[in-house]
Amino acid sequence: MTKLKTIEWLDRHREPQCPPDPRFPDGVDLDLSKGRMPVCTVALEHPAKRCGAWLITCPCGNRIMVTTAGRPDDPRSVKIACLK
């Protein structure tokens, strides 16, 4: 049986305190794989509701947390290397 990846939103109940970075009006695609293969790519709700973090667990067991600020420059996807 294959495990499904899970994406959990951890809300910090804070509104953004700083203006967004104008260089990324449509968000950021994070590549945390460092060029390793295979990878898991996850689309995130964008922009996030407010300040908080995404806890992402991939089928391989790799777990990461990506912070958000509830702004247009938040991550819209993340790519991570599998543990295999």
C-alpha atoms as a PDB file:
ATOM      1  CA  MET A   1       0.000   0.000   0.000  1.00  0.00           C
ATOM      2  CA  THR A   2       1.370   3.435  -0.982  1.00  0.00           C
ATOM      3  CA  LYS A   3       1.194   6.231   1.554  1.00  0.00           C
ATOM      4  CA  LEU A   4      -0.258   9.494   0.321  1.00  0.00           C
ATOM      5  CA  LYS A   5       1.544  12.764   0.784  1.00  0.00           C
ATOM      6  CA  THR A   6      -0.089  15.004   3.346  1.00  0.00           C
ATOM      7  CA  ILE A   7      -0.115  18.770   3.500  1.00  0.00           C
ATOM      8  CA  GLU A   8      -1.156  20.384   6.768  1.00  0.00           C
ATOM      9  CA  TRP A   9      -1.621  24.124   7.356  1.00  0.00           C
ATOM     10  CA  LEU A  10      -0.392  25.418  10.719  1.00  0.00           C
ATOM     11  CA  ASP A  11      -2.027  28.801  11.282  1.00  0.00           C
ATOM     12  CA  ARG A  12      -0.189  31.307  13.501  1.00  0.00           C
ATOM     13  CA  HIS A  13      -3.228  33.663  13.523  1.00  0.00           C
ATOM     14  CA  ARG A  14      -1.082  36.659  12.558  1.00  0.00           C
ATOM     15  CA  GLU A  15      -1.562  38.994   9.629  1.00  0.00           C
ATOM     16  CA  PRO A  16       1.421  40.054   7.484  1.00  0.00           C
ATOM     17  CA  GLN A  17       3.560  42.777   9.068  1.00  0.00           C
ATOM     18  CA  CYS A  18       5.787  43.650   6.086  1.00  0.00           C
ATOM     19  CA  PRO A  19       5.058  44.434   2.437  1.00  0.00           C
ATOM     20  CA  PRO A  20       5.581  41.628  -0.111  1.00  0.00           C
ATOM     21  CA  ASP A  21       8.719  41.389  -2.224  1.00  0.00           C
ATOM     22  CA  PRO A  22       7.757  43.010  -5.564  1.00  0.00           C
ATOM     23  CA  ARG A  23      10.129  40.638  -7.429  1.00  0.00           C
ATOM     24  CA  PHE A  24       7.701  37.739  -6.753  1.00  0.00           C
ATOM     25  CA  PRO A  25       4.139  39.004  -7.373  1.00  0.00           C
ATOM     26  CA  ASP A  26       2.955  35.479  -8.286  1.00  0.00           C
ATOM     27  CA  GLY A  27       4.737  33.574  -5.524  1.00  0.00           C
ATOM     28  CA  VAL A  28       7.835  31.417  -5.379  1.00  0.00           C
ATOM     29  CA  ASP A  29       8.469  27.846  -6.534  1.00  0.00           C
ATOM     30  CA  LEU A  30      10.867  26.482  -3.921  1.00  0.00           C
ATOM     31  CA  ASP A  31      13.354  23.836  -5.036  1.00  0.00           C
ATOM     32  CA  LEU A  32      14.839  22.251  -1.922  1.00  0.00           C
ATOM     33  CA  SER A  33      16.009  19.099  -3.730  1.00  0.00           C
ATOM     34  CA  LYS A  34      19.623  20.264  -4.251  1.00  0.00           C
ATOM     35  CA  GLY A  35      19.507  18.490  -7.631  1.00  0.00           C
ATOM     36  CA  ARG A  36      18.912  15.024  -6.147  1.00  0.00           C
ATOM     37  CA  MET A  37      16.443  12.565  -7.647  1.00  0.00           C
ATOM     38  CA  PRO A  38      13.757  11.315  -7.279  1.00  0.00           C
ATOM     39  CA  VAL A  39      11.751  14.287  -6.065  1.00  0.00           C
ATOM     40  CA  CYS A  40       8.288  15.053  -4.800  1.00  0.00           C
ATOM     41  CA  THR A  41       6.664  18.297  -5.955  1.00  0.00           C
ATOM     42  CA  VAL A  42       3.767  19.717  -3.992  1.00  0.00           C
ATOM     43  CA  ALA A  43       1.462  22.579  -4.999  1.00  0.00           C
ATOM     44  CA  LEU A  44       0.478  24.832  -2.100  1.00  0.00           C
ATOM     45  CA  GLU A  45      -2.541  27.050  -1.575  1.00  0.00           C
ATOM     46  CA  HIS A  46      -1.332  30.472  -2.655  1.00  0.00           C
ATOM     47  CA  PRO A  47      -1.174  32.940  -1.145  1.00  0.00           C
ATOM     48  CA  ALA A  48      -1.500  31.443   2.298  1.00  0.00           C
ATOM     49  CA  LYS A  49      -4.301  32.718   4.523  1.00  0.00           C
ATOM     50  CA  ARG A  50      -1.875  34.599   6.787  1.00  0.00           C
ATOM     51  CA  CYS A  51       1.353  33.939   8.700  1.00  0.00           C
ATOM     52  CA  GLY A  52       1.902  30.263   9.360  1.00  0.00           C
ATOM     53  CA  ALA A  53       3.554  27.187   7.902  1.00  0.00           C
ATOM     54  CA  TRP A  54       2.885  24.192   5.679  1.00  0.00           C
ATOM     55  CA  LEU A  55       3.892  20.822   7.122  1.00  0.00           C
ATOM     56  CA  ILE A  56       4.476  18.483   4.179  1.00  0.00           C
ATOM     57  CA  THR A  57       4.943  14.727   4.555  1.00  0.00           C
ATOM     58  CA  CYS A  58       5.847  12.793   1.397  1.00  0.00           C
ATOM     59  CA  PRO A  59       5.173   9.098   0.776  1.00  0.00           C
ATOM     60  CA  CYS A  60       8.895   8.353   1.249  1.00  0.00           C
ATOM     61  CA  GLY A  61       8.679   9.688   4.809  1.00  0.00           C
ATOM     62  CA  ASN A  62      10.506  12.963   4.186  1.00  0.00           C
ATOM     63  CA  ARG A  63       8.950  15.779   6.197  1.00  0.00           C
ATOM     64  CA  ILE A  64       9.535  19.495   5.810  1.00  0.00           C
ATOM     65  CA  MET A  65       7.996  22.723   7.039  1.00  0.00           C
ATOM     66  CA  VAL A  66       7.711  25.828   4.849  1.00  0.00           C
ATOM     67  CA  THR A  67       6.794  29.161   6.413  1.00  0.00           C
ATOM     68  CA  THR A  68       4.345  31.666   4.925  1.00  0.00           C
ATOM     69  CA  ALA A  69       3.462  35.283   5.537  1.00  0.00           C
ATOM     70  CA  GLY A  70       0.052  35.522   3.855  1.00  0.00           C
ATOM     71  CA  ARG A  71       1.438  37.657   1.021  1.00  0.00           C
ATOM     72  CA  PRO A  72       1.725  37.360  -2.793  1.00  0.00           C
ATOM     73  CA  ASP A  73       5.416  36.385  -2.454  1.00  0.00           C
ATOM     74  CA  ASP A  74       4.586  33.220  -0.455  1.00  0.00           C
ATOM     75  CA  PRO A  75       5.670  29.791  -1.758  1.00  0.00           C
ATOM     76  CA  ARG A  76       3.214  28.364  -4.318  1.00  0.00           C
ATOM     77  CA  SER A  77       5.012  25.024  -4.694  1.00  0.00           C
ATOM     78  CA  VAL A  78       7.882  23.106  -3.144  1.00  0.00           C
ATOM     79  CA  LYS A  79      10.113  20.366  -4.579  1.00  0.00           C
ATOM     80  CA  ILE A  80      11.993  18.085  -2.173  1.00  0.00           C
ATOM     81  CA  ALA A  81      14.240  15.085  -2.685  1.00  0.00           C
ATOM     82  CA  CYS A  82      12.925  11.699  -1.634  1.00  0.00           C
ATOM     83  CA  LEU A  83      14.657   9.777   1.138  1.00  0.00           C
ATOM     84  CA  LYS A  84      15.126   6.652  -1.011  1.00  0.00           C
END
